[in-house]
Amino acid sequence: MRVILKAENIEKWYGNEKTGVQALRGIDLEIEEGMFYAMIGKSGSGKSTLLHILGGLDEPTKGAIYLEGENILLADEPTGNLDEKTSREVMGLLRESARAFRQTMVLVTHEKEIAGQAGRVVTISDGRIQSIQGKG
């Protein structure tokens, strides 16, 4: 599949490198067209920061982002405070939108059940990608 979004050696510092907090530490990630990605990790792991950088809402302190596609759906905890039934409905709508409009979807979640619906699961811990698992 074609890579439409690429992150190379992304670092993000809040404050300066001596007294600040490093939220992301050398992130490399390729997002392929038409895939559904879920980024999962504990609070403070860096997943929302990475999503904001991938979406252009924030800039990395170091590294580069390359964008080759337009149809990317980004969602930060879309089911975070919802009951189970509403969570299923929201996820169904997101998946249907991605299919209907041929969008690539990248979402952040704490919920393993939600992440399990993705084609690729990116596990983030302490500002680093620990694993990328999933099916084609």
Protein backbone atom coordinates (compact mmCIF):
# COMPACT_ATOMS: atom_id res chain seq x y z
CA MET A 1 0.00 0.00 0.00
CA ARG A 2 1.00 3.59 -0.58
CA VAL A 3 2.42 5.58 2.37
CA ILE A 4 0.48 8.85 2.62
CA LEU A 5 1.75 10.18 5.94
CA LYS A 6 5.22 9.69 7.33
CA ALA A 7 6.83 10.79 10.59
CA GLU A 8 10.63 10.72 10.78
CA ASN A 9 12.53 10.95 14.05
CA ILE A 10 9.84 13.08 15.73
CA GLU A 11 10.71 14.61 19.07
CA LYS A 12 8.54 16.96 21.09
CA TRP A 13 9.67 18.93 24.10
CA TYR A 14 7.49 21.08 26.33
CA GLY A 15 9.83 23.66 27.80
CA ASN A 16 13.54 23.37 27.13
CA GLU A 17 15.69 20.26 26.90
CA LYS A 18 17.26 20.83 30.33
CA THR A 19 14.19 21.41 32.50
CA GLY A 20 11.29 20.54 30.21
CA VAL A 21 9.33 17.40 29.49
CA GLN A 22 10.06 15.25 26.46
CA ALA A 23 6.71 13.98 25.19
CA LEU A 24 7.97 12.20 22.05
CA ARG A 25 11.33 10.47 21.60
CA GLY A 26 12.44 9.65 18.06
CA ILE A 27 9.11 8.52 16.60
CA ASP A 28 9.19 6.92 13.13
CA LEU A 29 5.81 5.97 11.68
CA GLU A 30 4.34 5.35 8.25
CA ILE A 31 0.59 5.58 7.68
CA GLU A 32 -0.65 3.65 4.65
CA GLU A 33 -3.57 4.73 2.51
CA GLY A 34 -6.92 3.19 3.37
CA MET A 35 -5.84 1.65 6.68
CA PHE A 36 -7.43 2.07 10.12
CA TYR A 37 -4.81 2.77 12.81
CA ALA A 38 -5.38 2.93 16.56
CA MET A 39 -2.75 4.43 18.85
CA ILE A 40 -3.02 3.06 22.36
CA GLY A 41 -1.13 3.79 25.55
CA LYS A 42 -1.48 5.12 29.06
CA SER A 43 -2.26 8.75 29.81
CA GLY A 44 0.87 10.81 29.24
CA SER A 45 2.44 8.28 26.86
CA GLY A 46 2.53 10.77 23.96
CA LYS A 47 -0.23 9.41 21.75
CA SER A 48 -2.34 12.59 21.60
CA THR A 49 0.78 14.71 21.09
CA LEU A 50 1.74 12.51 18.15
CA LEU A 51 -1.78 12.72 16.71
CA HIS A 52 -1.69 16.53 16.94
CA ILE A 53 1.65 16.63 15.14
CA LEU A 54 0.47 14.20 12.44
CA GLY A 55 -2.58 16.41 11.91
CA GLY A 56 -0.62 19.66 11.75
CA LEU A 57 -2.13 21.06 14.95
CA ASP A 58 1.29 21.16 16.61
CA GLU A 59 4.87 21.17 15.38
CA PRO A 60 7.60 18.76 16.38
CA THR A 61 10.66 20.11 18.18
CA LYS A 62 12.77 17.89 15.91
CA GLY A 63 12.06 15.62 12.98
CA ALA A 64 9.83 15.90 9.93
CA ILE A 65 6.32 15.06 8.76
CA TYR A 66 5.61 14.21 5.11
CA LEU A 67 2.04 14.25 3.83
CA GLU A 68 1.05 12.82 0.45
CA GLY A 69 -2.66 12.29 0.92
CA GLU A 70 -5.63 14.39 1.88
CA ASN A 71 -8.27 11.98 3.13
CA ILE A 72 -7.07 11.26 6.64
CA LEU A 73 -9.56 11.08 9.48
CA LEU A 74 -7.98 11.82 12.87
CA ALA A 75 -9.85 11.16 16.11
CA ASP A 76 -8.59 11.79 19.64
CA GLU A 77 -10.49 9.57 22.10
CA PRO A 78 -13.77 9.61 20.13
CA THR A 79 -15.38 7.19 22.61
CA GLY A 80 -13.61 8.34 25.77
CA ASN A 81 -16.62 9.30 27.89
CA LEU A 82 -19.35 7.33 26.17
CA ASP A 83 -21.36 4.34 27.30
CA GLU A 84 -20.77 1.02 25.53
CA LYS A 85 -23.74 1.26 23.15
CA THR A 86 -22.92 4.81 22.04
CA SER A 87 -19.24 3.86 21.66
CA ARG A 88 -20.21 1.08 19.25
CA GLU A 89 -22.40 3.49 17.29
CA VAL A 90 -19.64 6.13 17.05
CA MET A 91 -17.10 3.54 15.92
CA GLY A 92 -19.56 2.23 13.34
CA LEU A 93 -20.06 5.74 11.97
CA LEU A 94 -16.31 6.38 11.82
CA ARG A 95 -15.67 3.09 10.02
CA GLU A 96 -18.53 3.72 7.58
CA SER A 97 -17.27 7.24 6.86
CA ALA A 98 -13.77 5.92 6.24
CA ARG A 99 -15.13 3.30 3.83
CA ALA A 100 -17.58 5.58 2.03
CA PHE A 101 -15.10 8.39 1.50
CA ARG A 102 -11.99 6.19 1.18
CA GLN A 103 -10.39 7.80 4.20
CA THR A 104 -7.45 6.61 6.21
CA MET A 105 -8.31 6.67 9.91
CA VAL A 106 -5.95 7.29 12.82
CA LEU A 107 -7.43 7.38 16.29
CA VAL A 108 -6.16 7.57 19.84
CA THR A 109 -7.77 5.46 22.53
CA HIS A 110 -7.19 3.95 25.97
CA GLU A 111 -9.67 1.18 25.23
CA LYS A 112 -8.30 -2.15 24.02
CA GLU A 113 -11.72 -3.09 22.60
CA ILE A 114 -11.71 0.00 20.38
CA ALA A 115 -8.09 -0.52 19.34
CA GLY A 116 -8.94 -4.14 18.48
CA GLN A 117 -11.21 -2.90 15.68
CA ALA A 118 -8.26 -1.30 13.88
CA GLY A 119 -6.21 -2.90 11.16
CA ARG A 120 -3.02 -1.69 12.84
CA VAL A 121 -2.46 -1.01 16.54
CA VAL A 122 0.41 1.31 17.47
CA THR A 123 1.36 0.96 21.14
CA ILE A 124 3.05 4.02 22.62
CA SER A 125 4.83 4.23 25.97
CA ASP A 126 7.06 6.97 27.38
CA GLY A 127 7.04 8.87 24.08
CA ARG A 128 8.23 5.89 22.01
CA ILE A 129 6.51 3.41 19.74
CA GLN A 130 6.75 0.05 21.48
CA SER A 131 5.06 -2.02 18.78
CA ILE A 132 2.98 -1.92 15.63
CA GLN A 133 0.72 -4.91 15.25
CA GLY A 134 -1.97 -5.77 12.84
CA LYS A 135 -3.18 -7.11 9.61
CA GLY A 136 -2.61 -5.93 6.06
